[in-house]
Amino acid sequence: MNVSRLDWIFSCFFAGMGIGLFYFGGLWMTVSRIRSVRHPAVLSLVSFWGRTVLSLWGFYLIMDRNWVNLLVCLAGFLLARWIMIRRLRPA
């Protein structure tokens, strides 16, 4: 494995973390605002579909027809989920 391939693997991992922070940060913002909006169902659906479509698009771009890239990106995504759970846990 040469250096450029290793750099790409790290890039995929950190991109997955970015996608995860976007997805779960958006989820946290949606849940925190749900009681103060007039139509919470609309907010929930729009937020879900927006986060899902943009996250899947990011996974697709990063994957670049290579399943290893997808797995590394998914590992970064799951690490971001774990970090968000630990950071935003109620006291």
PDB file of N, CA and C in Angstrom:
ATOM      1  N   MET A   1       0.852  -1.175   0.000  1.00  0.00           N
ATOM      2  CA  MET A   1       0.000   0.000   0.000  1.00  0.00           C
ATOM      3  C   MET A   1       0.896   1.237   0.000  1.00  0.00           C
ATOM      4  N   ASN A   2       0.791   2.046  -1.027  1.00  0.00           N
ATOM      5  CA  ASN A   2       1.657   3.212  -1.117  1.00  0.00           C
ATOM      6  C   ASN A   2       1.077   4.384  -0.326  1.00  0.00           C
ATOM      7  N   VAL A   3       1.849   5.452  -0.246  1.00  0.00           N
ATOM      8  CA  VAL A   3       1.473   6.592   0.591  1.00  0.00           C
ATOM      9  C   VAL A   3       0.210   7.270   0.078  1.00  0.00           C
ATOM     10  N   SER A   4       0.055   7.401  -1.211  1.00  0.00           N
ATOM     11  CA  SER A   4      -1.127   8.085  -1.725  1.00  0.00           C
ATOM     12  C   SER A   4      -2.400   7.296  -1.411  1.00  0.00           C
ATOM     13  N   ARG A   5      -2.326   5.977  -1.441  1.00  0.00           N
ATOM     14  CA  ARG A   5      -3.487   5.148  -1.087  1.00  0.00           C
ATOM     15  C   ARG A   5      -3.811   5.286   0.393  1.00  0.00           C
ATOM     16  N   LEU A   6      -2.764   5.331   1.216  1.00  0.00           N
ATOM     17  CA  LEU A   6      -2.963   5.502   2.651  1.00  0.00           C
ATOM     18  C   LEU A   6      -3.565   6.879   2.950  1.00  0.00           C
ATOM     19  N   ASP A   7      -3.117   7.897   2.236  1.00  0.00           N
ATOM     20  CA  ASP A   7      -3.700   9.228   2.387  1.00  0.00           C
ATOM     21  C   ASP A   7      -5.180   9.215   2.009  1.00  0.00           C
ATOM     22  N   TRP A   8      -5.519   8.491   0.954  1.00  0.00           N
ATOM     23  CA  TRP A   8      -6.916   8.408   0.530  1.00  0.00           C
ATOM     24  C   TRP A   8      -7.766   7.697   1.588  1.00  0.00           C
ATOM     25  N   ILE A   9      -7.222   6.667   2.218  1.00  0.00           N
ATOM     26  CA  ILE A   9      -7.940   5.943   3.277  1.00  0.00           C
ATOM     27  C   ILE A   9      -8.219   6.887   4.450  1.00  0.00           C
ATOM     28  N   PHE A  10      -7.215   7.645   4.873  1.00  0.00           N
ATOM     29  CA  PHE A  10      -7.423   8.602   5.959  1.00  0.00           C
ATOM     30  C   PHE A  10      -8.430   9.677   5.554  1.00  0.00           C
ATOM     31  N   SER A  11      -8.367  10.113   4.309  1.00  0.00           N
ATOM     32  CA  SER A  11      -9.337  11.101   3.829  1.00  0.00           C
ATOM     33  C   SER A  11     -10.754  10.548   3.870  1.00  0.00           C
ATOM     34  N   CYS A  12     -10.917   9.299   3.475  1.00  0.00           N
ATOM     35  CA  CYS A  12     -12.237   8.661   3.529  1.00  0.00           C
ATOM     36  C   CYS A  12     -12.736   8.575   4.966  1.00  0.00           C
ATOM     37  N   PHE A  13     -11.831   8.231   5.878  1.00  0.00           N
ATOM     38  CA  PHE A  13     -12.220   8.114   7.286  1.00  0.00           C
ATOM     39  C   PHE A  13     -12.687   9.457   7.834  1.00  0.00           C
ATOM     40  N   PHE A  14     -11.913  10.515   7.587  1.00  0.00           N
ATOM     41  CA  PHE A  14     -12.281  11.829   8.110  1.00  0.00           C
ATOM     42  C   PHE A  14     -13.499  12.404   7.392  1.00  0.00           C
ATOM     43  N   ALA A  15     -13.667  12.070   6.124  1.00  0.00           N
ATOM     44  CA  ALA A  15     -14.887  12.478   5.427  1.00  0.00           C
ATOM     45  C   ALA A  15     -16.101  11.781   6.030  1.00  0.00           C
ATOM     46  N   GLY A  16     -15.951  10.511   6.387  1.00  0.00           N
ATOM     47  CA  GLY A  16     -17.023   9.796   7.063  1.00  0.00           C
ATOM     48  C   GLY A  16     -17.356  10.422   8.404  1.00  0.00           C
ATOM     49  N   MET A  17     -16.331  10.862   9.123  1.00  0.00           N
ATOM     50  CA  MET A  17     -16.583  11.564  10.385  1.00  0.00           C
ATOM     51  C   MET A  17     -17.337  12.865  10.137  1.00  0.00           C
ATOM     52  N   GLY A  18     -16.975  13.567   9.072  1.00  0.00           N
ATOM     53  CA  GLY A  18     -17.690  14.796   8.743  1.00  0.00           C
ATOM     54  C   GLY A  18     -19.143  14.537   8.395  1.00  0.00           C
ATOM     55  N   ILE A  19     -19.382  13.495   7.622  1.00  0.00           N
ATOM     56  CA  ILE A  19     -20.760  13.135   7.283  1.00  0.00           C
ATOM     57  C   ILE A  19     -21.526  12.758   8.545  1.00  0.00           C
ATOM     58  N   GLY A  20     -20.878  12.008   9.428  1.00  0.00           N
ATOM     59  CA  GLY A  20     -21.521  11.622  10.680  1.00  0.00           C
ATOM     60  C   GLY A  20     -21.836  12.813  11.558  1.00  0.00           C
ATOM     61  N   LEU A  21     -20.904  13.752  11.665  1.00  0.00           N
ATOM     62  CA  LEU A  21     -21.158  14.949  12.458  1.00  0.00           C
ATOM     63  C   LEU A  21     -22.294  15.772  11.852  1.00  0.00           C
ATOM     64  N   PHE A  22     -22.338  15.836  10.528  1.00  0.00           N
ATOM     65  CA  PHE A  22     -23.448  16.525   9.863  1.00  0.00           C
ATOM     66  C   PHE A  22     -24.771  15.825  10.163  1.00  0.00           C
ATOM     67  N   TYR A  23     -24.804  14.501   9.996  1.00  0.00           N
ATOM     68  CA  TYR A  23     -26.047  13.747  10.155  1.00  0.00           C
ATOM     69  C   TYR A  23     -26.548  13.801  11.602  1.00  0.00           C
ATOM     70  N   PHE A  24     -25.682  13.455  12.537  1.00  0.00           N
ATOM     71  CA  PHE A  24     -26.127  13.377  13.921  1.00  0.00           C
ATOM     72  C   PHE A  24     -26.227  14.751  14.571  1.00  0.00           C
ATOM     73  N   GLY A  25     -25.445  15.712  14.103  1.00  0.00           N
ATOM     74  CA  GLY A  25     -25.634  17.093  14.565  1.00  0.00           C
ATOM     75  C   GLY A  25     -26.964  17.654  14.093  1.00  0.00           C
ATOM     76  N   GLY A  26     -27.325  17.348  12.853  1.00  0.00           N
ATOM     77  CA  GLY A  26     -28.636  17.764  12.346  1.00  0.00           C
ATOM     78  C   GLY A  26     -29.766  17.083  13.083  1.00  0.00           C
ATOM     79  N   LEU A  27     -29.581  15.822  13.431  1.00  0.00           N
ATOM     80  CA  LEU A  27     -30.587  15.108  14.212  1.00  0.00           C
ATOM     81  C   LEU A  27     -30.752  15.746  15.589  1.00  0.00           C
ATOM     82  N   TRP A  28     -29.637  16.086  16.221  1.00  0.00           N
ATOM     83  CA  TRP A  28     -29.689  16.720  17.537  1.00  0.00           C
ATOM     84  C   TRP A  28     -30.391  18.073  17.454  1.00  0.00           C
ATOM     85  N   MET A  29     -30.086  18.853  16.415  1.00  0.00           N
ATOM     86  CA  MET A  29     -30.754  20.152  16.260  1.00  0.00           C
ATOM     87  C   MET A  29     -32.249  19.977  16.026  1.00  0.00           C
ATOM     88  N   THR A  30     -32.631  18.989  15.247  1.00  0.00           N
ATOM     89  CA  THR A  30     -34.044  18.734  14.983  1.00  0.00           C
ATOM     90  C   THR A  30     -34.778  18.351  16.263  1.00  0.00           C
ATOM     91  N   VAL A  31     -34.201  17.441  17.012  1.00  0.00           N
ATOM     92  CA  VAL A  31     -34.850  16.993  18.250  1.00  0.00           C
ATOM     93  C   VAL A  31     -34.935  18.127  19.268  1.00  0.00           C
ATOM     94  N   SER A  32     -33.917  18.965  19.324  1.00  0.00           N
ATOM     95  CA  SER A  32     -33.945  20.064  20.292  1.00  0.00           C
ATOM     96  C   SER A  32     -34.951  21.150  19.904  1.00  0.00           C
ATOM     97  N   ARG A  33     -35.294  21.271  18.640  1.00  0.00           N
ATOM     98  CA  ARG A  33     -36.247  22.299  18.194  1.00  0.00           C
ATOM     99  C   ARG A  33     -37.663  21.777  18.029  1.00  0.00           C
ATOM    100  N   ILE A  34     -37.885  20.492  18.171  1.00  0.00           N
ATOM    101  CA  ILE A  34     -39.162  19.888  17.797  1.00  0.00           C
ATOM    102  C   ILE A  34     -40.334  20.421  18.629  1.00  0.00           C
ATOM    103  N   ARG A  35     -40.100  20.782  19.868  1.00  0.00           N
ATOM    104  CA  ARG A  35     -41.188  21.265  20.720  1.00  0.00           C
ATOM    105  C   ARG A  35     -41.544  22.718  20.460  1.00  0.00           C
ATOM    106  N   SER A  36     -40.684  23.461  19.796  1.00  0.00           N
ATOM    107  CA  SER A  36     -40.928  24.886  19.611  1.00  0.00           C
ATOM    108  C   SER A  36     -41.438  25.257  18.224  1.00  0.00           C
ATOM    109  N   VAL A  37     -41.602  24.290  17.338  1.00  0.00           N
ATOM    110  CA  VAL A  37     -42.077  24.600  15.989  1.00  0.00           C
ATOM    111  C   VAL A  37     -43.569  24.342  15.889  1.00  0.00           C
ATOM    112  N   ARG A  38     -44.165  24.956  14.901  1.00  0.00           N
ATOM    113  CA  ARG A  38     -45.608  24.838  14.724  1.00  0.00           C
ATOM    114  C   ARG A  38     -46.023  23.483  14.157  1.00  0.00           C
ATOM    115  N   HIS A  39     -45.240  22.964  13.245  1.00  0.00           N
ATOM    116  CA  HIS A  39     -45.540  21.676  12.610  1.00  0.00           C
ATOM    117  C   HIS A  39     -44.352  20.728  12.798  1.00  0.00           C
ATOM    118  N   PRO A  40     -44.309  20.024  13.925  1.00  0.00           N
ATOM    119  CA  PRO A  40     -43.148  19.165  14.194  1.00  0.00           C
ATOM    120  C   PRO A  40     -43.011  18.000  13.213  1.00  0.00           C
ATOM    121  N   ALA A  41     -44.102  17.506  12.678  1.00  0.00           N
ATOM    122  CA  ALA A  41     -44.010  16.388  11.726  1.00  0.00           C
ATOM    123  C   ALA A  41     -43.303  16.826  10.449  1.00  0.00           C
ATOM    124  N   VAL A  42     -43.600  18.023   9.999  1.00  0.00           N
ATOM    125  CA  VAL A  42     -42.951  18.538   8.787  1.00  0.00           C
ATOM    126  C   VAL A  42     -41.453  18.720   9.036  1.00  0.00           C
ATOM    127  N   LEU A  43     -41.109  19.291  10.180  1.00  0.00           N
ATOM    128  CA  LEU A  43     -39.697  19.461  10.524  1.00  0.00           C
ATOM    129  C   LEU A  43     -38.992  18.107  10.577  1.00  0.00           C
ATOM    130  N   SER A  44     -39.615  17.128  11.193  1.00  0.00           N
ATOM    131  CA  SER A  44     -39.006  15.803  11.300  1.00  0.00           C
ATOM    132  C   SER A  44     -38.783  15.174   9.933  1.00  0.00           C
ATOM    133  N   LEU A  45     -39.778  15.214   9.088  1.00  0.00           N
ATOM    134  CA  LEU A  45     -39.659  14.595   7.769  1.00  0.00           C
ATOM    135  C   LEU A  45     -38.648  15.305   6.876  1.00  0.00           C
ATOM    136  N   VAL A  46     -38.717  16.625   6.846  1.00  0.00           N
ATOM    137  CA  VAL A  46     -37.780  17.384   6.005  1.00  0.00           C
ATOM    138  C   VAL A  46     -36.351  17.188   6.495  1.00  0.00           C
ATOM    139  N   SER A  47     -36.164  17.207   7.808  1.00  0.00           N
ATOM    140  CA  SER A  47     -34.829  17.007   8.358  1.00  0.00           C
ATOM    141  C   SER A  47     -34.320  15.605   8.045  1.00  0.00           C
ATOM    142  N   PHE A  48     -35.167  14.597   8.240  1.00  0.00           N
ATOM    143  CA  PHE A  48     -34.759  13.217   7.972  1.00  0.00           C
ATOM    144  C   PHE A  48     -34.352  13.040   6.517  1.00  0.00           C
ATOM    145  N   TRP A  49     -35.214  13.473   5.608  1.00  0.00           N
ATOM    146  CA  TRP A  49     -34.916  13.267   4.187  1.00  0.00           C
ATOM    147  C   TRP A  49     -33.716  14.088   3.741  1.00  0.00           C
ATOM    148  N   GLY A  50     -33.588  15.295   4.225  1.00  0.00           N
ATOM    149  CA  GLY A  50     -32.440  16.126   3.859  1.00  0.00           C
ATOM    150  C   GLY A  50     -31.133  15.527   4.350  1.00  0.00           C
ATOM    151  N   ARG A  51     -31.100  15.117   5.623  1.00  0.00           N
ATOM    152  CA  ARG A  51     -29.890  14.513   6.171  1.00  0.00           C
ATOM    153  C   ARG A  51     -29.558  13.201   5.469  1.00  0.00           C
ATOM    154  N   THR A  52     -30.579  12.402   5.194  1.00  0.00           N
ATOM    155  CA  THR A  52     -30.342  11.101   4.569  1.00  0.00           C
ATOM    156  C   THR A  52     -29.832  11.247   3.145  1.00  0.00           C
ATOM    157  N   VAL A  53     -30.477  12.093   2.364  1.00  0.00           N
ATOM    158  CA  VAL A  53     -30.069  12.263   0.964  1.00  0.00           C
ATOM    159  C   VAL A  53     -28.652  12.826   0.878  1.00  0.00           C
ATOM    160  N   LEU A  54     -28.350  13.856   1.663  1.00  0.00           N
ATOM    161  CA  LEU A  54     -27.008  14.441   1.603  1.00  0.00           C
ATOM    162  C   LEU A  54     -25.941  13.476   2.118  1.00  0.00           C
ATOM    163  N   SER A  55     -26.266  12.704   3.140  1.00  0.00           N
ATOM    164  CA  SER A  55     -25.300  11.734   3.654  1.00  0.00           C
ATOM    165  C   SER A  55     -25.046  10.616   2.648  1.00  0.00           C
ATOM    166  N   LEU A  56     -26.106  10.093   2.057  1.00  0.00           N
ATOM    167  CA  LEU A  56     -25.920   9.041   1.051  1.00  0.00           C
ATOM    168  C   LEU A  56     -25.159   9.552  -0.166  1.00  0.00           C
ATOM    169  N   TRP A  57     -25.419  10.789  -0.555  1.00  0.00           N
ATOM    170  CA  TRP A  57     -24.687  11.392  -1.670  1.00  0.00           C
ATOM    171  C   TRP A  57     -23.198  11.491  -1.320  1.00  0.00           C
ATOM    172  N   GLY A  58     -22.901  11.892  -0.088  1.00  0.00           N
ATOM    173  CA  GLY A  58     -21.507  11.962   0.348  1.00  0.00           C
ATOM    174  C   GLY A  58     -20.841  10.599   0.346  1.00  0.00           C
ATOM    175  N   PHE A  59     -21.552   9.576   0.849  1.00  0.00           N
ATOM    176  CA  PHE A  59     -21.014   8.213   0.817  1.00  0.00           C
ATOM    177  C   PHE A  59     -20.747   7.767  -0.617  1.00  0.00           C
ATOM    178  N   TYR A  60     -21.673   8.074  -1.501  1.00  0.00           N
ATOM    179  CA  TYR A  60     -21.513   7.671  -2.905  1.00  0.00           C
ATOM    180  C   TYR A  60     -20.282   8.331  -3.539  1.00  0.00           C
ATOM    181  N   LEU A  61     -20.108   9.621  -3.280  1.00  0.00           N
ATOM    182  CA  LEU A  61     -18.955  10.326  -3.855  1.00  0.00           C
ATOM    183  C   LEU A  61     -17.640   9.794  -3.302  1.00  0.00           C
ATOM    184  N   ILE A  62     -17.615   9.519  -2.024  1.00  0.00           N
ATOM    185  CA  ILE A  62     -16.386   9.052  -1.396  1.00  0.00           C
ATOM    186  C   ILE A  62     -16.082   7.610  -1.796  1.00  0.00           C
ATOM    187  N   MET A  63     -17.123   6.806  -1.973  1.00  0.00           N
ATOM    188  CA  MET A  63     -16.946   5.397  -2.289  1.00  0.00           C
ATOM    189  C   MET A  63     -16.115   5.213  -3.559  1.00  0.00           C
ATOM    190  N   ASP A  64     -16.384   5.977  -4.584  1.00  0.00           N
ATOM    191  CA  ASP A  64     -15.613   5.933  -5.832  1.00  0.00           C
ATOM    192  C   ASP A  64     -15.491   4.501  -6.366  1.00  0.00           C
ATOM    193  N   ARG A  65     -16.586   3.750  -6.314  1.00  0.00           N
ATOM    194  CA  ARG A  65     -16.669   2.374  -6.816  1.00  0.00           C
ATOM    195  C   ARG A  65     -15.695   1.414  -6.149  1.00  0.00           C
ATOM    196  N   ASN A  66     -15.384   1.689  -4.894  1.00  0.00           N
ATOM    197  CA  ASN A  66     -14.475   0.826  -4.147  1.00  0.00           C
ATOM    198  C   ASN A  66     -15.090   0.571  -2.778  1.00  0.00           C
ATOM    199  N   TRP A  67     -15.392  -0.680  -2.475  1.00  0.00           N
ATOM    200  CA  TRP A  67     -16.083  -0.995  -1.233  1.00  0.00           C
ATOM    201  C   TRP A  67     -15.210  -0.744  -0.008  1.00  0.00           C
ATOM    202  N   VAL A  68     -13.900  -0.769  -0.145  1.00  0.00           N
ATOM    203  CA  VAL A  68     -13.018  -0.486   0.988  1.00  0.00           C
ATOM    204  C   VAL A  68     -13.180   0.971   1.411  1.00  0.00           C
ATOM    205  N   ASN A  69     -13.267   1.871   0.432  1.00  0.00           N
ATOM    206  CA  ASN A  69     -13.496   3.283   0.754  1.00  0.00           C
ATOM    207  C   ASN A  69     -14.806   3.452   1.516  1.00  0.00           C
ATOM    208  N   LEU A  70     -15.823   2.729   1.088  1.00  0.00           N
ATOM    209  CA  LEU A  70     -17.124   2.818   1.755  1.00  0.00           C
ATOM    210  C   LEU A  70     -17.038   2.317   3.190  1.00  0.00           C
ATOM    211  N   LEU A  71     -16.347   1.217   3.419  1.00  0.00           N
ATOM    212  CA  LEU A  71     -16.218   0.687   4.779  1.00  0.00           C
ATOM    213  C   LEU A  71     -15.435   1.634   5.688  1.00  0.00           C
ATOM    214  N   VAL A  72     -14.379   2.227   5.157  1.00  0.00           N
ATOM    215  CA  VAL A  72     -13.586   3.166   5.948  1.00  0.00           C
ATOM    216  C   VAL A  72     -14.414   4.402   6.258  1.00  0.00           C
ATOM    217  N   CYS A  73     -15.164   4.874   5.279  1.00  0.00           N
ATOM    218  CA  CYS A  73     -16.036   6.033   5.482  1.00  0.00           C
ATOM    219  C   CYS A  73     -17.113   5.712   6.516  1.00  0.00           C
ATOM    220  N   LEU A  74     -17.670   4.523   6.447  1.00  0.00           N
ATOM    221  CA  LEU A  74     -18.672   4.099   7.413  1.00  0.00           C
ATOM    222  C   LEU A  74     -18.080   4.005   8.819  1.00  0.00           C
ATOM    223  N   ALA A  75     -16.836   3.572   8.932  1.00  0.00           N
ATOM    224  CA  ALA A  75     -16.176   3.530  10.246  1.00  0.00           C
ATOM    225  C   ALA A  75     -16.053   4.938  10.827  1.00  0.00           C
ATOM    226  N   GLY A  76     -15.701   5.908  10.007  1.00  0.00           N
ATOM    227  CA  GLY A  76     -15.647   7.292  10.468  1.00  0.00           C
ATOM    228  C   GLY A  76     -17.020   7.812  10.864  1.00  0.00           C
ATOM    229  N   PHE A  77     -18.034   7.446  10.105  1.00  0.00           N
ATOM    230  CA  PHE A  77     -19.416   7.828  10.402  1.00  0.00           C
ATOM    231  C   PHE A  77     -19.841   7.276  11.767  1.00  0.00           C
ATOM    232  N   LEU A  78     -19.534   6.008  12.020  1.00  0.00           N
ATOM    233  CA  LEU A  78     -19.909   5.390  13.291  1.00  0.00           C
ATOM    234  C   LEU A  78     -19.114   5.952  14.458  1.00  0.00           C
ATOM    235  N   LEU A  79     -17.852   6.310  14.230  1.00  0.00           N
ATOM    236  CA  LEU A  79     -17.075   6.953  15.282  1.00  0.00           C
ATOM    237  C   LEU A  79     -17.666   8.314  15.622  1.00  0.00           C
ATOM    238  N   ALA A  80     -18.108   9.050  14.621  1.00  0.00           N
ATOM    239  CA  ALA A  80     -18.757  10.342  14.872  1.00  0.00           C
ATOM    240  C   ALA A  80     -20.037  10.139  15.677  1.00  0.00           C
ATOM    241  N   ARG A  81     -20.780   9.091  15.387  1.00  0.00           N
ATOM    242  CA  ARG A  81     -21.989   8.774  16.163  1.00  0.00           C
ATOM    243  C   ARG A  81     -21.636   8.510  17.616  1.00  0.00           C
ATOM    244  N   TRP A  82     -20.586   7.725  17.828  1.00  0.00           N
ATOM    245  CA  TRP A  82     -20.163   7.399  19.183  1.00  0.00           C
ATOM    246  C   TRP A  82     -19.739   8.664  19.939  1.00  0.00           C
ATOM    247  N   ILE A  83     -19.000   9.546  19.269  1.00  0.00           N
ATOM    248  CA  ILE A  83     -18.568  10.798  19.886  1.00  0.00           C
ATOM    249  C   ILE A  83     -19.770  11.668  20.243  1.00  0.00           C
ATOM    250  N   MET A  84     -20.723  11.771  19.319  1.00  0.00           N
ATOM    251  CA  MET A  84     -21.907  12.595  19.586  1.00  0.00           C
ATOM    252  C   MET A  84     -22.718  12.042  20.754  1.00  0.00           C
ATOM    253  N   ILE A  85     -22.843  10.734  20.844  1.00  0.00           N
ATOM    254  CA  ILE A  85     -23.579  10.131  21.965  1.00  0.00           C
ATOM    255  C   ILE A  85     -22.877  10.462  23.277  1.00  0.00           C
ATOM    256  N   ARG A  86     -21.568  10.355  23.321  1.00  0.00           N
ATOM    257  CA  ARG A  86     -20.819  10.630  24.547  1.00  0.00           C
ATOM    258  C   ARG A  86     -20.878  12.112  24.910  1.00  0.00           C
ATOM    259  N   ARG A  87     -20.804  12.987  23.935  1.00  0.00           N
ATOM    260  CA  ARG A  87     -20.786  14.426  24.209  1.00  0.00           C
ATOM    261  C   ARG A  87     -22.145  14.981  24.583  1.00  0.00           C
ATOM    262  N   LEU A  88     -23.206  14.486  23.971  1.00  0.00           N
ATOM    263  CA  LEU A  88     -24.537  15.074  24.158  1.00  0.00           C
ATOM    264  C   LEU A  88     -25.410  14.289  25.120  1.00  0.00           C
ATOM    265  N   ARG A  89     -24.838  13.380  25.849  1.00  0.00           N
ATOM    266  CA  ARG A  89     -25.591  12.593  26.831  1.00  0.00           C
ATOM    267  C   ARG A  89     -26.110  13.518  27.935  1.00  0.00           C
ATOM    268  N   PRO A  90     -27.388  13.381  28.305  1.00  0.00           N
ATOM    269  CA  PRO A  90     -27.901  14.236  29.390  1.00  0.00           C
ATOM    270  C   PRO A  90     -27.183  13.958  30.712  1.00  0.00           C
ATOM    271  N   ALA A  91     -27.103  14.984  31.509  1.00  0.00           N
ATOM    272  CA  ALA A  91     -26.370  14.879  32.790  1.00  0.00           C
ATOM    273  C   ALA A  91     -27.098  14.048  33.816  1.00  0.00           C
TER     274      ALA A  91
END
